């Protein structure tokens, strides 16, 4: 799963020249049979996709593998369930709850899409666990919530085997949210109840991630080599996408929109993002890819009434996401890039 300190190899990838003949993405629409809306959230290097679908009958998770849809059992007997991420071994993670909004009933779980075995995520006593990522070693990262008598407090967590531990971000701040984990065990997220600050870390060592001019940062992805990215707000409440390789920040303002966010880095250093972080819910927008300093829009449909949002990128430069059509129906999709024509530019 592509989720990247700037090691020599990572830097060489970022600085490498793109292929002479960039290709175009091939889009495959993912609509879970019998459901109204489909949301594709996670993607691994094998091209397996996970997410959830929604209709008047309820919300259910899905797996798409080799062109076939399947479902993980609704773990714990809960009726609302979704899968958020999948590693290259085919283990997906997600959660189930008894009903919409009943987060105190949440159960985090892992599901092996090849064996059909479901395993509960280890619990920190008193907390409800919401996994957001899993790496190749089976280490799960996510968010644990506890009610303090007035409101829910969130803490990042890591879990492996039968144990789970809460993460202490920089300065011991509370209200931590962990977004992703890479195969080296590096996690990223943000913390702070009022002024969100980004962070990245391994084990107990964390570094703050705050682009120059930022008044609030959300780190949403980490690549295999440790490059991180997401979005930040400036003093005028403008939003900017960014990446950070451990020493240098790069800012990406998308394709002329006002609320961009980066969501991944491809194998040739191309940077993926979205021109509007709210596009799938509030109006037209598209994803984008930056290749050799030039920005190209990525949209499933040319219809201006539709919106495209990229949610995950893998090590092959493929991506998944959702788009909302003119009839307000949401569809999942996977976009693949021919290896001999990579990087794809639209």
C-alpha atoms as a PDB file:
ATOM      1  CA  UNK A   1       0.000   0.000   0.000  1.00  0.00           C
ATOM      2  CA  UNK A   2       1.467   3.335  -0.991  1.00  0.00           C
ATOM      3  CA  UNK A   3       1.229   5.571   1.834  1.00  0.00           C
ATOM      4  CA  UNK A   4       7.282   8.138   2.423  1.00  0.00           C
ATOM      5  CA  UNK A   5      12.782  11.131   5.908  1.00  0.00           C
ATOM      6  CA  UNK A   6      14.093  11.596   2.421  1.00  0.00           C
ATOM      7  CA  UNK A   7      16.340   8.575   1.916  1.00  0.00           C
ATOM      8  CA  UNK A   8      18.669   8.551  -1.064  1.00  0.00           C
ATOM      9  CA  UNK A   9      16.425   6.168  -2.975  1.00  0.00           C
ATOM     10  CA  UNK A  10      13.290   8.185  -2.271  1.00  0.00           C
ATOM     11  CA  UNK A  11      14.967  11.409  -3.358  1.00  0.00           C
ATOM     12  CA  UNK A  12      16.218   9.831  -6.571  1.00  0.00           C
ATOM     13  CA  UNK A  13      12.666   8.735  -7.350  1.00  0.00           C
ATOM     14  CA  UNK A  14      11.304  12.210  -6.709  1.00  0.00           C
ATOM     15  CA  UNK A  15      13.939  13.857  -8.865  1.00  0.00           C
ATOM     16  CA  UNK A  16      13.801  11.301 -11.669  1.00  0.00           C
ATOM     17  CA  UNK A  17      12.504  12.447 -15.041  1.00  0.00           C
ATOM     18  CA  UNK A  18       9.073  11.159 -16.079  1.00  0.00           C
ATOM     19  CA  UNK A  19       8.659   8.772 -18.984  1.00  0.00           C
ATOM     20  CA  UNK A  20       8.871  10.378 -22.391  1.00  0.00           C
ATOM     21  CA  UNK A  21       5.373   9.219 -23.354  1.00  0.00           C
ATOM     22  CA  UNK A  22       3.016   9.607 -20.428  1.00  0.00           C
ATOM     23  CA  UNK A  23      -0.090   7.469 -20.579  1.00  0.00           C
ATOM     24  CA  UNK A  24      -3.743   7.892 -19.700  1.00  0.00           C
ATOM     25  CA  UNK A  25      -5.583   6.212 -16.875  1.00  0.00           C
ATOM     26  CA  UNK A  26      -8.072   3.465 -17.593  1.00  0.00           C
ATOM     27  CA  UNK A  27     -11.106   3.867 -15.324  1.00  0.00           C
ATOM     28  CA  UNK A  28     -13.153   0.949 -14.023  1.00  0.00           C
ATOM     29  CA  UNK A  29     -16.360   1.918 -12.214  1.00  0.00           C
ATOM     30  CA  UNK A  30     -17.063   0.042  -8.977  1.00  0.00           C
ATOM     31  CA  UNK A  31     -20.763  -0.175  -8.138  1.00  0.00           C
ATOM     32  CA  UNK A  32     -21.687  -2.767  -5.528  1.00  0.00           C
ATOM     33  CA  UNK A  33     -24.678  -4.697  -6.902  1.00  0.00           C
ATOM     34  CA  UNK A  34     -27.962  -3.819  -5.201  1.00  0.00           C
ATOM     35  CA  UNK A  35     -26.580  -0.750  -3.418  1.00  0.00           C
ATOM     36  CA  UNK A  36     -27.183   2.908  -4.226  1.00  0.00           C
ATOM     37  CA  UNK A  37     -23.813   4.499  -3.339  1.00  0.00           C
ATOM     38  CA  UNK A  38     -20.332   2.978  -3.393  1.00  0.00           C
ATOM     39  CA  UNK A  39     -17.238   4.470  -1.716  1.00  0.00           C
ATOM     40  CA  UNK A  40     -13.796   3.043  -2.590  1.00  0.00           C
ATOM     41  CA  UNK A  41     -11.343   3.826   0.243  1.00  0.00           C
ATOM     42  CA  UNK A  42      -8.367   1.458   0.218  1.00  0.00           C
ATOM     43  CA  UNK A  43      -6.067  -0.056  -2.421  1.00  0.00           C
ATOM     44  CA  UNK A  44      -3.068  -2.381  -2.309  1.00  0.00           C
ATOM     45  CA  UNK A  45      -0.318  -3.115  -4.827  1.00  0.00           C
ATOM     46  CA  UNK A  46      -2.229  -6.187  -6.082  1.00  0.00           C
ATOM     47  CA  UNK A  47      -5.084  -3.961  -7.217  1.00  0.00           C
ATOM     48  CA  UNK A  48      -7.479  -5.130  -4.496  1.00  0.00           C
ATOM     49  CA  UNK A  49      -9.951  -2.465  -3.366  1.00  0.00           C
ATOM     50  CA  UNK A  50     -11.960  -2.087  -0.148  1.00  0.00           C
ATOM     51  CA  UNK A  51     -14.587   0.367   1.029  1.00  0.00           C
ATOM     52  CA  UNK A  52     -18.273   0.426   1.758  1.00  0.00           C
ATOM     53  CA  UNK A  53     -21.627   0.774   0.054  1.00  0.00           C
ATOM     54  CA  UNK A  54     -24.808   2.428   1.227  1.00  0.00           C
ATOM     55  CA  UNK A  55     -28.538   2.239   0.543  1.00  0.00           C
ATOM     56  CA  UNK A  56     -31.858   2.369   2.385  1.00  0.00           C
ATOM     57  CA  UNK A  57     -31.104  -1.188   3.514  1.00  0.00           C
ATOM     58  CA  UNK A  58     -27.980  -0.051   5.400  1.00  0.00           C
ATOM     59  CA  UNK A  59     -24.213   0.286   5.079  1.00  0.00           C
ATOM     60  CA  UNK A  60     -22.012  -2.696   4.259  1.00  0.00           C
ATOM     61  CA  UNK A  61     -18.313  -3.205   3.568  1.00  0.00           C
ATOM     62  CA  UNK A  62     -17.008  -4.565   0.268  1.00  0.00           C
ATOM     63  CA  UNK A  63     -13.907  -6.086  -1.279  1.00  0.00           C
ATOM     64  CA  UNK A  64     -13.227  -5.921  -5.026  1.00  0.00           C
ATOM     65  CA  UNK A  65     -10.623  -8.423  -6.218  1.00  0.00           C
ATOM     66  CA  UNK A  66     -10.001  -9.686  -9.755  1.00  0.00           C
ATOM     67  CA  UNK A  67     -13.192  -7.985 -10.886  1.00  0.00           C
ATOM     68  CA  UNK A  68     -15.392  -9.708  -8.277  1.00  0.00           C
ATOM     69  CA  UNK A  69     -17.201  -8.118  -5.315  1.00  0.00           C
ATOM     70  CA  UNK A  70     -17.387  -9.841  -1.934  1.00  0.00           C
ATOM     71  CA  UNK A  71     -18.133  -8.847   1.658  1.00  0.00           C
ATOM     72  CA  UNK A  72     -16.552  -9.393   5.051  1.00  0.00           C
ATOM     73  CA  UNK A  73     -18.984 -10.608   7.730  1.00  0.00           C
ATOM     74  CA  UNK A  74     -20.656  -7.843   9.767  1.00  0.00           C
ATOM     75  CA  UNK A  75     -18.408  -8.443  12.740  1.00  0.00           C
ATOM     76  CA  UNK A  76     -19.950  -8.664  16.197  1.00  0.00           C
ATOM     77  CA  UNK A  77     -23.461  -8.744  14.787  1.00  0.00           C
ATOM     78  CA  UNK A  78     -23.356  -5.011  14.106  1.00  0.00           C
ATOM     79  CA  UNK A  79     -25.349  -3.698  11.168  1.00  0.00           C
ATOM     80  CA  UNK A  80     -23.143  -0.823   9.945  1.00  0.00           C
ATOM     81  CA  UNK A  81     -19.691  -1.789   8.707  1.00  0.00           C
ATOM     82  CA  UNK A  82     -16.917  -0.519   6.437  1.00  0.00           C
ATOM     83  CA  UNK A  83     -13.354  -1.368   5.426  1.00  0.00           C
ATOM     84  CA  UNK A  84     -10.803   1.455   5.315  1.00  0.00           C
ATOM     85  CA  UNK A  85      -7.488  -0.030   4.136  1.00  0.00           C
ATOM     86  CA  UNK A  86      -5.874  -3.218   2.815  1.00  0.00           C
ATOM     87  CA  UNK A  87      -2.229  -4.345   2.816  1.00  0.00           C
ATOM     88  CA  UNK A  88      -0.380  -6.223   0.086  1.00  0.00           C
ATOM     89  CA  UNK A  89      -1.028  -9.563   1.804  1.00  0.00           C
ATOM     90  CA  UNK A  90      -4.751  -9.039   1.418  1.00  0.00           C
ATOM     91  CA  UNK A  91      -5.582  -8.204   5.029  1.00  0.00           C
ATOM     92  CA  UNK A  92      -8.139  -5.418   5.300  1.00  0.00           C
ATOM     93  CA  UNK A  93      -9.095  -3.417   8.387  1.00  0.00           C
ATOM     94  CA  UNK A  94     -12.262  -1.588   9.303  1.00  0.00           C
ATOM     95  CA  UNK A  95     -14.948  -1.303  11.930  1.00  0.00           C
ATOM     96  CA  UNK A  96     -18.578  -2.073  12.604  1.00  0.00           C
ATOM     97  CA  UNK A  97     -21.135  -0.284  14.788  1.00  0.00           C
ATOM     98  CA  UNK A  98     -24.642  -1.157  15.922  1.00  0.00           C
ATOM     99  CA  UNK A  99     -26.238   1.807  14.166  1.00  0.00           C
ATOM    100  CA  UNK A 100     -25.274   5.086  12.525  1.00  0.00           C
ATOM    101  CA  UNK A 101     -23.686   7.340  15.134  1.00  0.00           C
ATOM    102  CA  UNK A 102     -23.483   4.705  17.891  1.00  0.00           C
ATOM    103  CA  UNK A 103     -19.719   4.827  18.147  1.00  0.00           C
ATOM    104  CA  UNK A 104     -19.672   3.377  21.650  1.00  0.00           C
ATOM    105  CA  UNK A 105     -20.616   0.032  20.061  1.00  0.00           C
ATOM    106  CA  UNK A 106     -17.735   0.104  17.574  1.00  0.00           C
ATOM    107  CA  UNK A 107     -15.625  -3.003  17.019  1.00  0.00           C
ATOM    108  CA  UNK A 108     -12.406  -2.793  15.025  1.00  0.00           C
ATOM    109  CA  UNK A 109     -11.519  -5.860  12.998  1.00  0.00           C
ATOM    110  CA  UNK A 110      -9.169  -7.298  10.390  1.00  0.00           C
ATOM    111  CA  UNK A 111     -10.349  -9.491   7.532  1.00  0.00           C
ATOM    112  CA  UNK A 112      -8.202 -11.724   5.341  1.00  0.00           C
ATOM    113  CA  UNK A 113      -9.782 -11.494   1.896  1.00  0.00           C
ATOM    114  CA  UNK A 114      -8.095 -14.727   0.754  1.00  0.00           C
ATOM    115  CA  UNK A 115      -8.971 -17.008   3.681  1.00  0.00           C
ATOM    116  CA  UNK A 116     -12.164 -15.320   4.876  1.00  0.00           C
ATOM    117  CA  UNK A 117     -10.891 -15.190   8.467  1.00  0.00           C
ATOM    118  CA  UNK A 118     -12.035 -12.237  10.620  1.00  0.00           C
ATOM    119  CA  UNK A 119     -10.001 -11.180  13.672  1.00  0.00           C
ATOM    120  CA  UNK A 120     -10.911  -8.469  16.218  1.00  0.00           C
ATOM    121  CA  UNK A 121      -8.418  -5.638  16.688  1.00  0.00           C
ATOM    122  CA  UNK A 122      -6.872  -5.689  20.198  1.00  0.00           C
ATOM    123  CA  UNK A 123      -8.626  -3.240  22.512  1.00  0.00           C
ATOM    124  CA  UNK A 124      -7.178  -0.707  24.950  1.00  0.00           C
ATOM    125  CA  UNK A 125      -9.538  -1.149  27.942  1.00  0.00           C
ATOM    126  CA  UNK A 126     -12.224   1.521  28.042  1.00  0.00           C
ATOM    127  CA  UNK A 127     -11.692   2.641  24.431  1.00  0.00           C
ATOM    128  CA  UNK A 128     -13.454   1.960  21.160  1.00  0.00           C
ATOM    129  CA  UNK A 129     -11.079   1.227  18.286  1.00  0.00           C
ATOM    130  CA  UNK A 130     -11.339   2.571  14.723  1.00  0.00           C
ATOM    131  CA  UNK A 131      -8.544   1.206  12.462  1.00  0.00           C
ATOM    132  CA  UNK A 132      -7.428   3.452   9.585  1.00  0.00           C
ATOM    133  CA  UNK A 133      -4.426   1.555   8.192  1.00  0.00           C
ATOM    134  CA  UNK A 134      -2.477  -1.712   8.181  1.00  0.00           C
ATOM    135  CA  UNK A 135       1.051  -2.376   6.919  1.00  0.00           C
ATOM    136  CA  UNK A 136       2.785  -5.434   5.472  1.00  0.00           C
ATOM    137  CA  UNK A 137       3.781  -6.753   8.919  1.00  0.00           C
ATOM    138  CA  UNK A 138       0.164  -6.698  10.091  1.00  0.00           C
ATOM    139  CA  UNK A 139       0.634  -3.680  12.369  1.00  0.00           C
ATOM    140  CA  UNK A 140      -2.627  -1.756  12.562  1.00  0.00           C
ATOM    141  CA  UNK A 141      -2.913   1.991  13.199  1.00  0.00           C
ATOM    142  CA  UNK A 142      -5.972   4.055  13.904  1.00  0.00           C
ATOM    143  CA  UNK A 143      -7.895   6.015  16.476  1.00  0.00           C
ATOM    144  CA  UNK A 144      -9.197   5.069  19.911  1.00  0.00           C
ATOM    145  CA  UNK A 145     -12.030   7.039  21.502  1.00  0.00           C
ATOM    146  CA  UNK A 146     -13.057   7.403  25.134  1.00  0.00           C
ATOM    147  CA  UNK A 147     -15.856   9.437  26.686  1.00  0.00           C
ATOM    148  CA  UNK A 148     -14.551  11.632  29.531  1.00  0.00           C
ATOM    149  CA  UNK A 149     -18.003  12.554  30.859  1.00  0.00           C
ATOM    150  CA  UNK A 150     -18.384  15.601  28.629  1.00  0.00           C
ATOM    151  CA  UNK A 151     -17.106  14.663  25.203  1.00  0.00           C
ATOM    152  CA  UNK A 152     -15.208  12.016  23.295  1.00  0.00           C
ATOM    153  CA  UNK A 153     -11.416  12.258  23.391  1.00  0.00           C
ATOM    154  CA  UNK A 154      -9.407  10.654  20.589  1.00  0.00           C
ATOM    155  CA  UNK A 155      -5.979   9.034  20.747  1.00  0.00           C
ATOM    156  CA  UNK A 156      -3.962   7.407  18.031  1.00  0.00           C
ATOM    157  CA  UNK A 157      -3.073   3.764  18.516  1.00  0.00           C
ATOM    158  CA  UNK A 158      -0.912   0.987  17.091  1.00  0.00           C
ATOM    159  CA  UNK A 159      -1.774  -2.681  17.471  1.00  0.00           C
ATOM    160  CA  UNK A 160       0.035  -5.873  16.600  1.00  0.00           C
ATOM    161  CA  UNK A 161      -0.778  -9.437  17.515  1.00  0.00           C
ATOM    162  CA  UNK A 162      -2.735  -9.370  20.763  1.00  0.00           C
ATOM    163  CA  UNK A 163      -1.582  -5.982  22.087  1.00  0.00           C
ATOM    164  CA  UNK A 164      -2.545  -2.376  21.413  1.00  0.00           C
ATOM    165  CA  UNK A 165      -1.019   0.838  22.760  1.00  0.00           C
ATOM    166  CA  UNK A 166      -2.017   4.482  22.660  1.00  0.00           C
ATOM    167  CA  UNK A 167       0.343   6.903  20.941  1.00  0.00           C
ATOM    168  CA  UNK A 168       1.684  10.003  22.653  1.00  0.00           C
ATOM    169  CA  UNK A 169       2.136  12.739  20.015  1.00  0.00           C
ATOM    170  CA  UNK A 170       4.552  15.690  20.331  1.00  0.00           C
ATOM    171  CA  UNK A 171       4.135  17.723  23.536  1.00  0.00           C
ATOM    172  CA  UNK A 172       1.784  15.117  24.964  1.00  0.00           C
ATOM    173  CA  UNK A 173      -1.246  16.716  23.321  1.00  0.00           C
ATOM    174  CA  UNK A 174      -4.631  15.036  23.450  1.00  0.00           C
ATOM    175  CA  UNK A 175      -7.191  14.710  20.650  1.00  0.00           C
ATOM    176  CA  UNK A 176      -4.895  12.780  18.347  1.00  0.00           C
ATOM    177  CA  UNK A 177      -5.970  11.423  14.966  1.00  0.00           C
ATOM    178  CA  UNK A 178      -3.832   8.900  13.077  1.00  0.00           C
ATOM    179  CA  UNK A 179      -4.456   8.711   9.335  1.00  0.00           C
ATOM    180  CA  UNK A 180      -2.007   6.148   7.926  1.00  0.00           C
ATOM    181  CA  UNK A 181       0.933   3.807   8.522  1.00  0.00           C
ATOM    182  CA  UNK A 182       3.650   2.594   6.134  1.00  0.00           C
ATOM    183  CA  UNK A 183       5.541  -0.691   6.054  1.00  0.00           C
ATOM    184  CA  UNK A 184       8.373   0.753   8.196  1.00  0.00           C
ATOM    185  CA  UNK A 185       5.846   1.439  10.954  1.00  0.00           C
ATOM    186  CA  UNK A 186       5.813   5.211  10.479  1.00  0.00           C
ATOM    187  CA  UNK A 187       2.468   6.763  11.377  1.00  0.00           C
ATOM    188  CA  UNK A 188       1.102  10.187  10.488  1.00  0.00           C
ATOM    189  CA  UNK A 189      -1.792  12.314  11.651  1.00  0.00           C
ATOM    190  CA  UNK A 190      -2.612  15.472  13.561  1.00  0.00           C
ATOM    191  CA  UNK A 191      -3.201  16.486  17.167  1.00  0.00           C
ATOM    192  CA  UNK A 192      -4.482  19.327  19.310  1.00  0.00           C
ATOM    193  CA  UNK A 193      -8.079  20.091  20.274  1.00  0.00           C
ATOM    194  CA  UNK A 194      -8.204  23.615  18.840  1.00  0.00           C
ATOM    195  CA  UNK A 195      -5.221  24.234  16.557  1.00  0.00           C
ATOM    196  CA  UNK A 196      -4.429  21.042  14.701  1.00  0.00           C
ATOM    197  CA  UNK A 197      -0.761  20.282  14.164  1.00  0.00           C
ATOM    198  CA  UNK A 198       0.567  17.545  11.934  1.00  0.00           C
ATOM    199  CA  UNK A 199       3.006  14.876  13.078  1.00  0.00           C
ATOM    200  CA  UNK A 200       4.911  11.856  11.835  1.00  0.00           C
ATOM    201  CA  UNK A 201       6.717   9.280  13.916  1.00  0.00           C
ATOM    202  CA  UNK A 202       8.182   5.846  14.534  1.00  0.00           C
ATOM    203  CA  UNK A 203       7.470   4.229  17.889  1.00  0.00           C
ATOM    204  CA  UNK A 204       7.952   6.873  20.581  1.00  0.00           C
ATOM    205  CA  UNK A 205       9.860   9.387  18.428  1.00  0.00           C
ATOM    206  CA  UNK A 206       7.655  11.984  16.740  1.00  0.00           C
ATOM    207  CA  UNK A 207       8.282  15.077  14.678  1.00  0.00           C
ATOM    208  CA  UNK A 208       5.883  17.955  14.147  1.00  0.00           C
ATOM    209  CA  UNK A 209       4.799  18.592  10.549  1.00  0.00           C
ATOM    210  CA  UNK A 210       3.926  22.260  10.019  1.00  0.00           C
ATOM    211  CA  UNK A 211       4.462  23.923   6.647  1.00  0.00           C
ATOM    212  CA  UNK A 212       5.585  27.586   6.734  1.00  0.00           C
ATOM    213  CA  UNK A 213       2.580  29.866   7.170  1.00  0.00           C
ATOM    214  CA  UNK A 214       0.362  27.078   8.466  1.00  0.00           C
ATOM    215  CA  UNK A 215      -2.314  27.823  11.072  1.00  0.00           C
ATOM    216  CA  UNK A 216      -3.499  24.208  11.076  1.00  0.00           C
ATOM    217  CA  UNK A 217      -2.232  21.024   9.434  1.00  0.00           C
ATOM    218  CA  UNK A 218      -3.675  17.602   8.683  1.00  0.00           C
ATOM    219  CA  UNK A 219      -1.238  14.903   7.552  1.00  0.00           C
ATOM    220  CA  UNK A 220      -3.190  12.274   5.641  1.00  0.00           C
ATOM    221  CA  UNK A 221      -0.652   9.960   3.980  1.00  0.00           C
ATOM    222  CA  UNK A 222       2.858   8.540   4.285  1.00  0.00           C
ATOM    223  CA  UNK A 223       4.686   6.903   1.384  1.00  0.00           C
ATOM    224  CA  UNK A 224       6.881   3.774   1.637  1.00  0.00           C
ATOM    225  CA  UNK A 225      10.034   5.919   1.983  1.00  0.00           C
ATOM    226  CA  UNK A 226       8.586   8.314   4.592  1.00  0.00           C
ATOM    227  CA  UNK A 227       7.433  11.306   2.517  1.00  0.00           C
ATOM    228  CA  UNK A 228       4.282  12.688   4.113  1.00  0.00           C
ATOM    229  CA  UNK A 229       1.588  15.043   2.907  1.00  0.00           C
ATOM    230  CA  UNK A 230      -1.909  16.348   3.290  1.00  0.00           C
ATOM    231  CA  UNK A 231      -3.262  19.861   3.654  1.00  0.00           C
ATOM    232  CA  UNK A 232      -2.789  22.995   5.725  1.00  0.00           C
ATOM    233  CA  UNK A 233      -4.690  26.229   6.363  1.00  0.00           C
ATOM    234  CA  UNK A 234      -3.126  29.667   6.125  1.00  0.00           C
ATOM    235  CA  UNK A 235      -3.999  32.825   8.101  1.00  0.00           C
ATOM    236  CA  UNK A 236      -6.678  33.736   5.544  1.00  0.00           C
ATOM    237  CA  UNK A 237      -8.310  30.288   5.877  1.00  0.00           C
ATOM    238  CA  UNK A 238      -7.040  29.281   2.458  1.00  0.00           C
ATOM    239  CA  UNK A 239      -6.169  25.602   2.026  1.00  0.00           C
ATOM    240  CA  UNK A 240      -3.042  24.210   0.398  1.00  0.00           C
ATOM    241  CA  UNK A 241      -1.856  20.702  -0.395  1.00  0.00           C
ATOM    242  CA  UNK A 242       1.722  19.846   0.565  1.00  0.00           C
ATOM    243  CA  UNK A 243       4.391  17.166   0.817  1.00  0.00           C
ATOM    244  CA  UNK A 244       7.376  17.013   3.204  1.00  0.00           C
ATOM    245  CA  UNK A 245      10.396  14.738   2.746  1.00  0.00           C
ATOM    246  CA  UNK A 246      11.888  15.399   6.167  1.00  0.00           C
ATOM    247  CA  UNK A 247      13.675  18.585   5.130  1.00  0.00           C
ATOM    248  CA  UNK A 248      11.760  20.376   2.377  1.00  0.00           C
ATOM    249  CA  UNK A 249       8.105  21.342   2.077  1.00  0.00           C
ATOM    250  CA  UNK A 250       6.499  21.530  -1.351  1.00  0.00           C
ATOM    251  CA  UNK A 251       3.133  23.202  -1.830  1.00  0.00           C
ATOM    252  CA  UNK A 252       0.537  22.065  -4.365  1.00  0.00           C
ATOM    253  CA  UNK A 253      -2.418  24.289  -5.077  1.00  0.00           C
ATOM    254  CA  UNK A 254      -4.131  21.819  -7.373  1.00  0.00           C
ATOM    255  CA  UNK A 255      -5.722  22.880 -10.614  1.00  0.00           C
ATOM    256  CA  UNK A 256      -6.846  26.378  -9.672  1.00  0.00           C
ATOM    257  CA  UNK A 257      -9.307  25.401  -6.931  1.00  0.00           C
ATOM    258  CA  UNK A 258      -9.396  26.898  -3.442  1.00  0.00           C
ATOM    259  CA  UNK A 259      -9.228  23.764  -1.280  1.00  0.00           C
ATOM    260  CA  UNK A 260      -6.599  21.306  -2.527  1.00  0.00           C
ATOM    261  CA  UNK A 261      -5.107  18.423  -0.579  1.00  0.00           C
ATOM    262  CA  UNK A 262      -2.435  15.866  -1.524  1.00  0.00           C
ATOM    263  CA  UNK A 263      -3.244  12.187  -1.057  1.00  0.00           C
ATOM    264  CA  UNK A 264      -0.206  10.250  -2.314  1.00  0.00           C
ATOM    265  CA  UNK A 265       3.094  10.023  -4.176  1.00  0.00           C
ATOM    266  CA  UNK A 266       3.574   7.666  -7.122  1.00  0.00           C
ATOM    267  CA  UNK A 267       6.588   5.546  -8.051  1.00  0.00           C
ATOM    268  CA  UNK A 268       8.059   8.184 -10.396  1.00  0.00           C
ATOM    269  CA  UNK A 269       7.546  11.034  -7.946  1.00  0.00           C
ATOM    270  CA  UNK A 270       4.180  12.148  -9.309  1.00  0.00           C
ATOM    271  CA  UNK A 271       2.024  13.765  -6.626  1.00  0.00           C
ATOM    272  CA  UNK A 272      -1.691  13.043  -6.449  1.00  0.00           C
ATOM    273  CA  UNK A 273      -4.310  15.228  -4.820  1.00  0.00           C
ATOM    274  CA  UNK A 274      -7.812  16.646  -4.937  1.00  0.00           C
ATOM    275  CA  UNK A 275      -8.815  20.111  -6.080  1.00  0.00           C
ATOM    276  CA  UNK A 276     -11.546  20.284  -3.455  1.00  0.00           C
ATOM    277  CA  UNK A 277     -11.551  18.293  -0.235  1.00  0.00           C
ATOM    278  CA  UNK A 278     -15.336  18.502  -0.162  1.00  0.00           C
ATOM    279  CA  UNK A 279     -15.948  17.827  -3.855  1.00  0.00           C
ATOM    280  CA  UNK A 280     -17.657  14.451  -3.458  1.00  0.00           C
ATOM    281  CA  UNK A 281     -20.340  15.955  -1.236  1.00  0.00           C
ATOM    282  CA  UNK A 282     -20.781  19.564  -2.229  1.00  0.00           C
ATOM    283  CA  UNK A 283     -20.150  20.082  -5.912  1.00  0.00           C
ATOM    284  CA  UNK A 284     -17.942  19.688  -8.964  1.00  0.00           C
ATOM    285  CA  UNK A 285     -14.273  19.030  -8.450  1.00  0.00           C
ATOM    286  CA  UNK A 286     -11.558  16.684  -9.610  1.00  0.00           C
ATOM    287  CA  UNK A 287      -8.441  14.915  -8.566  1.00  0.00           C
ATOM    288  CA  UNK A 288      -5.104  16.003  -9.941  1.00  0.00           C
ATOM    289  CA  UNK A 289      -1.640  14.638 -10.583  1.00  0.00           C
ATOM    290  CA  UNK A 290       1.562  16.692 -10.737  1.00  0.00           C
ATOM    291  CA  UNK A 291       4.148  15.288 -13.162  1.00  0.00           C
ATOM    292  CA  UNK A 292       7.447  17.093 -13.731  1.00  0.00           C
ATOM    293  CA  UNK A 293       6.017  20.269 -12.196  1.00  0.00           C
ATOM    294  CA  UNK A 294       2.903  20.334 -14.378  1.00  0.00           C
ATOM    295  CA  UNK A 295      -0.587  19.766 -12.972  1.00  0.00           C
ATOM    296  CA  UNK A 296      -3.120  17.604 -14.797  1.00  0.00           C
ATOM    297  CA  UNK A 297      -6.753  17.191 -13.695  1.00  0.00           C
ATOM    298  CA  UNK A 298      -8.102  13.681 -13.119  1.00  0.00           C
ATOM    299  CA  UNK A 299     -11.851  13.277 -13.458  1.00  0.00           C
ATOM    300  CA  UNK A 300     -13.877  10.154 -14.123  1.00  0.00           C
ATOM    301  CA  UNK A 301     -16.460  12.105 -16.131  1.00  0.00           C
ATOM    302  CA  UNK A 302     -16.251  15.246 -18.248  1.00  0.00           C
ATOM    303  CA  UNK A 303     -19.744  16.219 -17.069  1.00  0.00           C
ATOM    304  CA  UNK A 304     -19.298  19.459 -15.066  1.00  0.00           C
ATOM    305  CA  UNK A 305     -22.051  18.359 -12.665  1.00  0.00           C
ATOM    306  CA  UNK A 306     -19.928  15.474 -11.379  1.00  0.00           C
ATOM    307  CA  UNK A 307     -17.138  15.423  -8.808  1.00  0.00           C
ATOM    308  CA  UNK A 308     -14.113  13.119  -8.488  1.00  0.00           C
ATOM    309  CA  UNK A 309     -12.154  12.480  -5.288  1.00  0.00           C
ATOM    310  CA  UNK A 310      -9.011  10.300  -5.047  1.00  0.00           C
ATOM    311  CA  UNK A 311      -8.781   8.390  -1.760  1.00  0.00           C
ATOM    312  CA  UNK A 312      -5.722   6.100  -2.132  1.00  0.00           C
ATOM    313  CA  UNK A 313      -2.705   5.469  -4.378  1.00  0.00           C
ATOM    314  CA  UNK A 314      -0.571   2.334  -4.698  1.00  0.00           C
ATOM    315  CA  UNK A 315       3.076   1.686  -5.588  1.00  0.00           C
ATOM    316  CA  UNK A 316       2.179   1.136  -9.253  1.00  0.00           C
ATOM    317  CA  UNK A 317       0.725   4.623  -9.633  1.00  0.00           C
ATOM    318  CA  UNK A 318      -2.839   3.295  -9.730  1.00  0.00           C
ATOM    319  CA  UNK A 319      -5.506   5.031  -7.673  1.00  0.00           C
ATOM    320  CA  UNK A 320      -8.980   4.582  -6.262  1.00  0.00           C
ATOM    321  CA  UNK A 321     -11.651   7.006  -5.207  1.00  0.00           C
ATOM    322  CA  UNK A 322     -15.237   8.067  -5.641  1.00  0.00           C
ATOM    323  CA  UNK A 323     -17.196  10.282  -7.957  1.00  0.00           C
ATOM    324  CA  UNK A 324     -20.643  11.777  -7.569  1.00  0.00           C
ATOM    325  CA  UNK A 325     -22.743  11.997 -10.726  1.00  0.00           C
ATOM    326  CA  UNK A 326     -25.363  14.514 -11.855  1.00  0.00           C
ATOM    327  CA  UNK A 327     -28.066  12.449 -10.127  1.00  0.00           C
ATOM    328  CA  UNK A 328     -26.253  12.690  -6.758  1.00  0.00           C
ATOM    329  CA  UNK A 329     -25.296   9.008  -6.851  1.00  0.00           C
ATOM    330  CA  UNK A 330     -21.799   8.130  -5.616  1.00  0.00           C
ATOM    331  CA  UNK A 331     -19.714   5.519  -7.453  1.00  0.00           C
ATOM    332  CA  UNK A 332     -16.369   3.969  -6.593  1.00  0.00           C
ATOM    333  CA  UNK A 333     -13.638   3.627  -9.193  1.00  0.00           C
ATOM    334  CA  UNK A 334     -10.155   2.286  -9.774  1.00  0.00           C
ATOM    335  CA  UNK A 335      -7.862   3.977 -12.307  1.00  0.00           C
ATOM    336  CA  UNK A 336      -4.936   1.973 -13.641  1.00  0.00           C
ATOM    337  CA  UNK A 337      -1.873   3.229 -15.475  1.00  0.00           C
ATOM    338  CA  UNK A 338      -0.157   1.057 -18.137  1.00  0.00           C
ATOM    339  CA  UNK A 339       3.381   0.290 -16.853  1.00  0.00           C
ATOM    340  CA  UNK A 340       5.041   1.092 -20.187  1.00  0.00           C
ATOM    341  CA  UNK A 341       3.227   4.419 -20.395  1.00  0.00           C
ATOM    342  CA  UNK A 342       3.752   5.546 -16.805  1.00  0.00           C
ATOM    343  CA  UNK A 343       3.379   8.082 -15.338  1.00  0.00           C
ATOM    344  CA  UNK A 344      -0.192   8.700 -16.421  1.00  0.00           C
ATOM    345  CA  UNK A 345      -1.219  12.335 -16.598  1.00  0.00           C
ATOM    346  CA  UNK A 346      -5.005  12.260 -16.746  1.00  0.00           C
END
